[in-house]
Amino acid sequence: MNVPIQRAGADPRGSWAKTALLALHASGAHRLAPRSLAGVGAILMLHRVREPDGAAFAPNDILEVTPSFLEATILRLLDLGYDFVTLDEAVRRLAEKHFTKPFIVFTLDDGYRDNLTDAAPVFTRHNVPFTVYLTTGLPDGTAELWWIILERIIAGAHEIHVRFAEGEERIVCASVEEKKAAWKNIYWRLRAYPEDAMRGEIRRLAAEQGIDSAALTGEIAMSWDEVRALAANPLASIEAHTADHYALAKLDAPHAHDEIAHGLARHEAELGRRPRHFSYPYGAPDSAGERDFAIARDFGFASATTTRKGLLRPDHASRLMALPRVSLNGHYQDVRIVEVLLSGLPFALARPLGGASID
């Protein structure tokens, strides 16, 4: 597989990390690492699976991999001797300490249409089970893909006036470089706000630019009919990802509870089954914590996955509400990197530096 050209909006630190991971592969160090570092398996995390549109400004490309990369990953993992299993089977193996072969679980977050049109055919072709963690507010029309809406706002504007807590600021975003700088400025500052305030400001900016936020979300996310079509695939499992994709740790306990409960109710109403597994929204390690793990446990989920980086170990049998995952993202589309990550060596090297955790 070729390493993709880094596009506008990519984090330069990702480029250094990519170089380091490829250097580990070239050195063969991952093959000499203690087998214990690899754990017993891994839960892989994806979001979108589609062909790139070639846009020069694409800050959300970290959330996108191509169908060919997904297929290459599956084939390489088969060569390495991994079993592809469901979340139910992964939980069973952890509970029963059944570790004769390392295993992989594929998961996709949010509920993008390309999970049905582009990802499912790849999984089906290779008879690989997969889970889609669905935010029910996306097909319901109550949630918005605000990160994609913000990208569209900046991509189509020469300047925007953002109302931050400190006051309104004029931000020039005419050139690609200015758009990249505008994204870093606006995205991270708004992410620190209460979610409703952040979403309200992005919605206001979208309206100023003539962008219909709801229509854009509907263009990219699955409808309920499409979710049902995906659920009919015997390899697919549709599981829970809250109602409106809030970072639970930023909510008070009753609101966090209601986010999960409402999502479950919508699942049951539309699909006729209650999800057994759950995923906490957002990619920051502090998006969900011990309080939220306890809330998930109270709902009776068989497992709950985080975005904390790491591989599965036998002792995760006692931490089923806080399972780590390994991200397959657009900045690391090289099967050599996947192989190195699954060795566990990068996580072991990062721990003393306060980097990736294996919780």
Protein backbone atom coordinates (compact mmCIF):
# COMPACT_ATOMS: atom_id res chain seq x y z
CA MET A 1 0.00 0.00 0.00
CA ASN A 2 1.16 3.53 -0.72
CA VAL A 3 1.27 6.12 2.01
CA PRO A 4 -1.15 8.87 0.93
CA ILE A 5 0.06 12.42 0.34
CA GLN A 6 -0.63 14.54 3.38
CA ARG A 7 -3.47 16.91 2.57
CA ALA A 8 -4.30 20.33 3.90
CA GLY A 9 -5.46 20.27 7.48
CA ALA A 10 -3.38 17.24 8.43
CA ASP A 11 -1.55 17.46 11.73
CA PRO A 12 2.22 17.71 11.10
CA ARG A 13 2.76 15.62 14.23
CA GLY A 14 0.94 12.83 12.39
CA SER A 15 3.60 12.98 9.67
CA TRP A 16 6.38 12.50 12.23
CA ALA A 17 4.48 9.66 13.86
CA LYS A 18 3.96 8.01 10.48
CA THR A 19 7.68 8.25 9.73
CA ALA A 20 8.52 6.71 13.10
CA LEU A 21 6.06 3.85 12.63
CA LEU A 22 7.39 3.07 9.17
CA ALA A 23 10.93 3.17 10.55
CA LEU A 24 9.94 0.60 13.18
CA HIS A 25 8.59 -1.63 10.42
CA ALA A 26 11.70 -1.21 8.28
CA SER A 27 13.91 -2.11 11.23
CA GLY A 28 11.89 -5.21 12.03
CA ALA A 29 11.75 -4.15 15.68
CA HIS A 30 8.04 -4.93 15.89
CA ARG A 31 8.77 -8.57 15.06
CA LEU A 32 11.31 -8.80 17.88
CA ALA A 33 9.02 -7.20 20.48
CA PRO A 34 7.78 -9.46 23.29
CA ARG A 35 4.63 -11.28 22.21
CA SER A 36 2.90 -10.10 25.40
CA LEU A 37 2.87 -6.51 24.07
CA ALA A 38 0.41 -7.55 21.35
CA GLY A 39 -2.19 -8.66 23.87
CA VAL A 40 -4.89 -11.05 22.74
CA GLY A 41 -6.49 -8.97 20.01
CA ALA A 42 -7.69 -5.54 19.03
CA ILE A 43 -10.80 -3.54 18.29
CA LEU A 44 -10.20 -1.43 15.19
CA MET A 45 -11.97 1.92 14.86
CA LEU A 46 -13.06 3.49 11.58
CA HIS A 47 -15.45 6.25 10.63
CA ARG A 48 -15.85 6.89 6.90
CA VAL A 49 -14.82 4.53 4.09
CA ARG A 50 -14.81 6.22 0.70
CA GLU A 51 -12.65 7.43 -2.15
CA PRO A 52 -11.08 10.87 -1.50
CA ASP A 53 -12.69 13.76 -3.34
CA GLY A 54 -9.36 15.45 -4.00
CA ALA A 55 -10.15 18.61 -2.04
CA ALA A 56 -7.07 20.65 -1.13
CA PHE A 57 -8.60 21.62 2.22
CA ALA A 58 -9.74 18.48 4.04
CA PRO A 59 -9.23 18.71 7.81
CA ASN A 60 -11.57 15.79 8.47
CA ASP A 61 -9.62 13.40 6.25
CA ILE A 62 -8.29 11.75 9.39
CA LEU A 63 -11.77 10.18 9.65
CA GLU A 64 -11.63 8.68 6.15
CA VAL A 65 -9.98 5.61 4.67
CA THR A 66 -10.38 4.19 1.19
CA PRO A 67 -12.12 0.88 0.45
CA SER A 68 -8.85 -0.41 -1.02
CA PHE A 69 -6.98 0.30 2.23
CA LEU A 70 -9.70 -1.45 4.23
CA GLU A 71 -9.42 -4.46 1.93
CA ALA A 72 -5.63 -4.48 2.09
CA THR A 73 -5.83 -4.39 5.89
CA ILE A 74 -8.18 -7.37 5.97
CA LEU A 75 -5.93 -9.37 3.67
CA ARG A 76 -2.80 -8.54 5.66
CA LEU A 77 -4.44 -9.48 8.96
CA LEU A 78 -5.53 -12.79 7.45
CA ASP A 79 -1.90 -13.42 6.48
CA LEU A 80 -0.86 -12.62 10.06
CA GLY A 81 -3.25 -15.25 11.41
CA TYR A 82 -5.92 -13.10 13.05
CA ASP A 83 -9.49 -14.27 13.58
CA PHE A 84 -12.20 -11.76 12.63
CA VAL A 85 -14.91 -11.87 15.29
CA THR A 86 -17.99 -10.03 16.52
CA LEU A 87 -18.06 -7.99 19.70
CA ASP A 88 -20.09 -10.76 21.33
CA GLU A 89 -17.39 -13.27 20.50
CA ALA A 90 -14.64 -10.92 21.69
CA VAL A 91 -16.38 -10.49 25.04
CA ARG A 92 -16.85 -14.27 25.31
CA ARG A 93 -13.15 -14.89 24.66
CA LEU A 94 -12.16 -12.33 27.27
CA ALA A 95 -14.57 -13.80 29.83
CA GLU A 96 -13.51 -17.40 29.16
CA LYS A 97 -9.83 -16.57 28.61
CA HIS A 98 -10.03 -18.30 25.24
CA PHE A 99 -6.94 -16.99 23.45
CA THR A 100 -5.77 -19.68 21.05
CA LYS A 101 -5.53 -17.11 18.22
CA PRO A 102 -5.36 -13.30 18.25
CA PHE A 103 -8.59 -11.69 17.11
CA ILE A 104 -9.80 -8.49 15.46
CA VAL A 105 -13.11 -6.65 15.75
CA PHE A 106 -13.95 -4.01 13.12
CA THR A 107 -16.05 -1.06 14.32
CA LEU A 108 -17.27 2.08 12.54
CA ASP A 109 -18.55 5.11 14.45
CA ASP A 110 -21.50 7.47 13.85
CA GLY A 111 -23.50 6.06 10.92
CA TYR A 112 -22.18 7.43 7.62
CA ARG A 113 -23.88 6.41 4.38
CA ASP A 114 -20.60 5.13 2.99
CA ASN A 115 -20.58 2.46 5.71
CA LEU A 116 -23.43 0.91 3.70
CA THR A 117 -22.31 1.75 0.17
CA ASP A 118 -18.50 1.40 0.40
CA ALA A 119 -17.49 -0.42 3.59
CA ALA A 120 -20.13 -3.17 3.76
CA PRO A 121 -19.27 -4.58 0.31
CA VAL A 122 -15.62 -4.99 1.37
CA PHE A 123 -16.56 -6.78 4.59
CA THR A 124 -19.10 -8.92 2.76
CA ARG A 125 -16.60 -9.91 0.06
CA HIS A 126 -14.27 -11.31 2.74
CA ASN A 127 -16.96 -12.61 5.12
CA VAL A 128 -15.78 -10.30 7.92
CA PRO A 129 -18.22 -9.28 10.69
CA PHE A 130 -18.38 -5.59 11.56
CA THR A 131 -20.17 -3.24 13.94
CA VAL A 132 -21.57 0.21 13.22
CA TYR A 133 -22.05 2.35 16.33
CA LEU A 134 -25.04 4.49 15.35
CA THR A 135 -25.83 7.97 16.64
CA THR A 136 -29.61 7.81 16.33
CA GLY A 137 -29.98 11.58 16.05
CA LEU A 138 -28.37 11.42 12.60
CA PRO A 139 -31.17 9.49 10.87
CA ASP A 140 -33.66 11.23 13.18
CA GLY A 141 -32.45 14.65 12.02
CA THR A 142 -31.87 15.90 15.58
CA ALA A 143 -28.06 15.72 15.42
CA GLU A 144 -25.68 17.33 12.96
CA LEU A 145 -22.26 16.40 11.66
CA TRP A 146 -20.98 19.72 12.95
CA TRP A 147 -17.29 18.94 12.22
CA ILE A 148 -18.10 18.43 8.53
CA ILE A 149 -20.35 21.50 8.52
CA LEU A 150 -17.50 23.58 9.96
CA GLU A 151 -15.20 22.27 7.23
CA ARG A 152 -17.73 23.32 4.57
CA ILE A 153 -18.09 26.77 6.16
CA ILE A 154 -14.36 27.44 6.04
CA ALA A 155 -13.92 25.83 2.62
CA GLY A 156 -16.50 28.11 1.00
CA ALA A 157 -15.65 31.41 2.68
CA HIS A 158 -13.02 34.11 2.23
CA GLU A 159 -13.57 35.37 5.74
CA ILE A 160 -15.88 34.57 8.62
CA HIS A 161 -16.86 36.35 11.81
CA VAL A 162 -16.89 33.96 14.75
CA ARG A 163 -18.53 34.84 18.05
CA PHE A 164 -16.18 33.50 20.67
CA ALA A 165 -16.73 33.98 24.39
CA GLU A 166 -14.12 36.77 24.26
CA GLY A 167 -16.03 38.56 21.53
CA GLU A 168 -16.48 38.44 17.76
CA GLU A 169 -13.38 37.86 15.64
CA ARG A 170 -12.87 38.29 11.91
CA ILE A 171 -10.94 35.34 10.52
CA VAL A 172 -9.58 35.45 6.98
CA CYS A 173 -9.72 32.11 5.15
CA ALA A 174 -9.19 32.87 1.47
CA SER A 175 -6.18 30.67 0.69
CA VAL A 176 -5.67 27.02 1.56
CA GLU A 177 -3.07 27.93 4.16
CA GLU A 178 -5.43 30.47 5.71
CA LYS A 179 -8.19 27.86 5.79
CA LYS A 180 -5.88 25.44 7.59
CA ALA A 181 -5.01 28.09 10.15
CA ALA A 182 -8.67 29.08 10.52
CA TRP A 183 -9.66 25.46 11.18
CA LYS A 184 -7.09 25.03 13.94
CA ASN A 185 -8.12 28.33 15.50
CA ILE A 186 -11.89 27.85 15.37
CA TYR A 187 -12.19 24.10 15.88
CA TRP A 188 -10.13 23.81 19.04
CA ARG A 189 -11.52 26.96 20.65
CA LEU A 190 -15.12 25.96 20.03
CA ARG A 191 -14.46 22.38 21.16
CA ALA A 192 -13.70 23.78 24.63
CA TYR A 193 -17.21 25.28 24.89
CA PRO A 194 -20.35 23.55 26.15
CA GLU A 195 -21.58 21.45 23.25
CA ASP A 196 -24.85 23.28 22.73
CA ALA A 197 -23.02 26.62 22.55
CA MET A 198 -20.47 25.21 20.11
CA ARG A 199 -23.14 23.69 17.88
CA GLY A 200 -25.24 26.84 17.99
CA GLU A 201 -22.36 28.99 16.76
CA ILE A 202 -21.51 26.56 13.95
CA ARG A 203 -25.17 26.49 12.95
CA ARG A 204 -25.21 30.30 12.88
CA LEU A 205 -22.09 30.45 10.74
CA ALA A 206 -23.56 27.87 8.37
CA ALA A 207 -26.74 29.91 7.96
CA GLU A 208 -24.65 33.01 7.16
CA GLN A 209 -22.87 31.03 4.42
CA GLY A 210 -26.11 29.64 3.03
CA ILE A 211 -25.32 26.11 4.20
CA ASP A 212 -28.29 23.99 5.30
CA SER A 213 -26.81 22.05 8.22
CA ALA A 214 -29.61 19.50 8.37
CA ALA A 215 -29.52 18.87 4.62
CA LEU A 216 -25.73 18.41 4.68
CA THR A 217 -26.00 15.88 7.49
CA GLY A 218 -28.75 14.07 5.58
CA GLU A 219 -26.48 13.96 2.54
CA ILE A 220 -23.70 12.18 4.44
CA ALA A 221 -25.42 10.12 7.16
CA MET A 222 -27.66 7.09 6.69
CA SER A 223 -31.44 7.34 6.84
CA TRP A 224 -33.38 4.84 8.92
CA ASP A 225 -34.24 2.88 5.78
CA GLU A 226 -30.54 2.65 4.98
CA VAL A 227 -29.74 1.63 8.54
CA ARG A 228 -32.33 -1.14 8.22
CA ALA A 229 -30.78 -2.22 4.91
CA LEU A 230 -27.38 -2.45 6.61
CA ALA A 231 -28.84 -4.28 9.61
CA ALA A 232 -30.19 -6.91 7.21
CA ASN A 233 -26.61 -7.85 6.32
CA PRO A 234 -25.86 -10.95 8.47
CA LEU A 235 -22.30 -9.72 9.03
CA ALA A 236 -23.41 -6.31 10.36
CA SER A 237 -24.34 -5.36 13.90
CA ILE A 238 -25.85 -1.94 14.65
CA GLU A 239 -24.96 -0.83 18.16
CA ALA A 240 -25.33 2.26 20.36
CA HIS A 241 -23.47 5.58 20.12
CA THR A 242 -25.84 7.93 22.05
CA ALA A 243 -28.72 9.97 20.63
CA ASP A 244 -26.97 13.20 19.64
CA HIS A 245 -23.21 12.47 19.82
CA TYR A 246 -22.33 14.46 22.93
CA ALA A 247 -19.09 13.94 24.85
CA LEU A 248 -20.60 12.35 27.95
CA ALA A 249 -17.92 13.68 30.30
CA LYS A 250 -19.01 17.24 29.46
CA LEU A 251 -22.60 16.54 30.57
CA ASP A 252 -24.05 16.23 34.04
CA ALA A 253 -24.96 12.69 35.05
CA PRO A 254 -28.72 12.90 34.32
CA HIS A 255 -28.07 14.34 30.85
CA ALA A 256 -25.43 11.71 30.10
CA HIS A 257 -27.86 9.00 31.19
CA ASP A 258 -30.62 10.46 28.99
CA GLU A 259 -28.30 10.63 25.96
CA ILE A 260 -27.79 6.89 26.15
CA ALA A 261 -31.38 6.07 27.10
CA HIS A 262 -32.91 8.06 24.27
CA GLY A 263 -30.56 6.49 21.75
CA LEU A 264 -31.52 3.02 22.96
CA ALA A 265 -35.22 3.85 22.74
CA ARG A 266 -34.84 5.01 19.14
CA HIS A 267 -32.87 1.86 18.25
CA GLU A 268 -35.61 -0.35 19.63
CA ALA A 269 -38.37 1.64 17.94
CA GLU A 270 -36.73 1.60 14.51
CA LEU A 271 -34.81 -1.68 14.45
CA GLY A 272 -36.78 -3.82 16.88
CA ARG A 273 -33.81 -4.73 19.08
CA ARG A 274 -31.93 -3.24 22.00
CA PRO A 275 -28.21 -2.76 21.37
CA ARG A 276 -25.89 -4.93 23.45
CA HIS A 277 -22.77 -2.83 22.90
CA PHE A 278 -21.96 0.87 23.23
CA SER A 279 -19.31 3.36 22.13
CA TYR A 280 -18.56 6.72 23.79
CA PRO A 281 -18.49 9.62 21.30
CA TYR A 282 -15.39 11.69 20.51
CA GLY A 283 -11.72 11.02 20.15
CA ALA A 284 -10.22 12.70 23.21
CA PRO A 285 -9.25 10.40 26.10
CA ASP A 286 -11.19 12.63 28.50
CA SER A 287 -14.45 12.46 26.51
CA ALA A 288 -15.59 9.69 28.85
CA GLY A 289 -14.41 8.76 32.32
CA GLU A 290 -15.12 6.47 35.24
CA ARG A 291 -18.53 8.04 35.91
CA ASP A 292 -19.55 7.38 32.32
CA PHE A 293 -18.23 3.83 32.44
CA ALA A 294 -20.44 3.26 35.48
CA ILE A 295 -23.46 4.70 33.65
CA ALA A 296 -22.85 2.37 30.71
CA ARG A 297 -22.55 -0.56 33.10
CA ASP A 298 -25.91 0.33 34.65
CA PHE A 299 -27.53 0.01 31.22
CA GLY A 300 -26.40 -3.61 31.06
CA PHE A 301 -24.20 -3.36 27.98
CA ALA A 302 -21.99 -6.35 27.26
CA SER A 303 -19.17 -3.98 26.30
CA ALA A 304 -18.40 -0.32 25.76
CA THR A 305 -15.52 1.02 23.67
CA THR A 306 -13.53 4.19 24.10
CA THR A 307 -11.15 5.98 21.76
CA ARG A 308 -8.26 5.37 24.16
CA LYS A 309 -5.44 3.80 22.21
CA GLY A 310 -4.39 0.26 22.89
CA LEU A 311 -4.76 -3.46 22.40
CA LEU A 312 -6.86 -5.94 24.34
CA ARG A 313 -5.31 -7.81 27.25
CA PRO A 314 -6.75 -10.65 29.34
CA ASP A 315 -7.42 -8.26 32.23
CA HIS A 316 -9.81 -6.26 30.06
CA ALA A 317 -12.34 -8.90 31.10
CA SER A 318 -12.74 -6.74 34.20
CA ARG A 319 -12.82 -3.47 32.22
CA LEU A 320 -15.47 -4.25 29.63
CA MET A 321 -17.00 -0.75 29.91
CA ALA A 322 -13.68 0.89 29.00
CA LEU A 323 -12.22 -1.08 26.12
CA PRO A 324 -9.45 0.57 24.06
CA ARG A 325 -9.32 0.64 20.28
CA VAL A 326 -6.79 1.12 17.50
CA SER A 327 -7.73 3.78 14.97
CA LEU A 328 -7.51 3.14 11.24
CA ASN A 329 -7.49 6.69 9.94
CA GLY A 330 -6.70 8.62 6.85
CA HIS A 331 -3.25 9.76 7.91
CA TYR A 332 -1.96 6.21 8.38
CA GLN A 333 -3.22 4.29 5.33
CA ASP A 334 -0.39 1.81 5.12
CA VAL A 335 -0.71 -1.84 6.15
CA ARG A 336 2.86 -1.76 7.47
CA ILE A 337 1.70 0.76 10.07
CA VAL A 338 -1.24 -1.45 11.02
CA GLU A 339 1.15 -4.36 11.50
CA VAL A 340 3.45 -2.29 13.73
CA LEU A 341 0.55 -0.96 15.83
CA LEU A 342 -0.81 -4.44 16.41
CA SER A 343 2.57 -5.57 17.70
CA GLY A 344 1.95 -3.30 20.70
CA LEU A 345 5.46 -1.87 20.49
CA PRO A 346 4.42 1.76 19.75
CA PHE A 347 2.07 1.81 22.75
CA ALA A 348 4.77 0.39 25.02
CA LEU A 349 7.28 2.99 23.79
CA ALA A 350 4.75 5.84 24.24
CA ARG A 351 3.73 5.02 27.82
CA PRO A 352 6.86 6.37 29.54
CA LEU A 353 6.43 9.60 27.56
CA GLY A 354 2.82 10.05 28.62
CA GLY A 355 1.56 9.06 25.19
CA ALA A 356 -0.91 6.44 24.04
CA SER A 357 -2.46 4.59 26.93
CA ILE A 358 -3.62 1.01 27.05
CA ASP A 359 -6.42 1.30 29.57
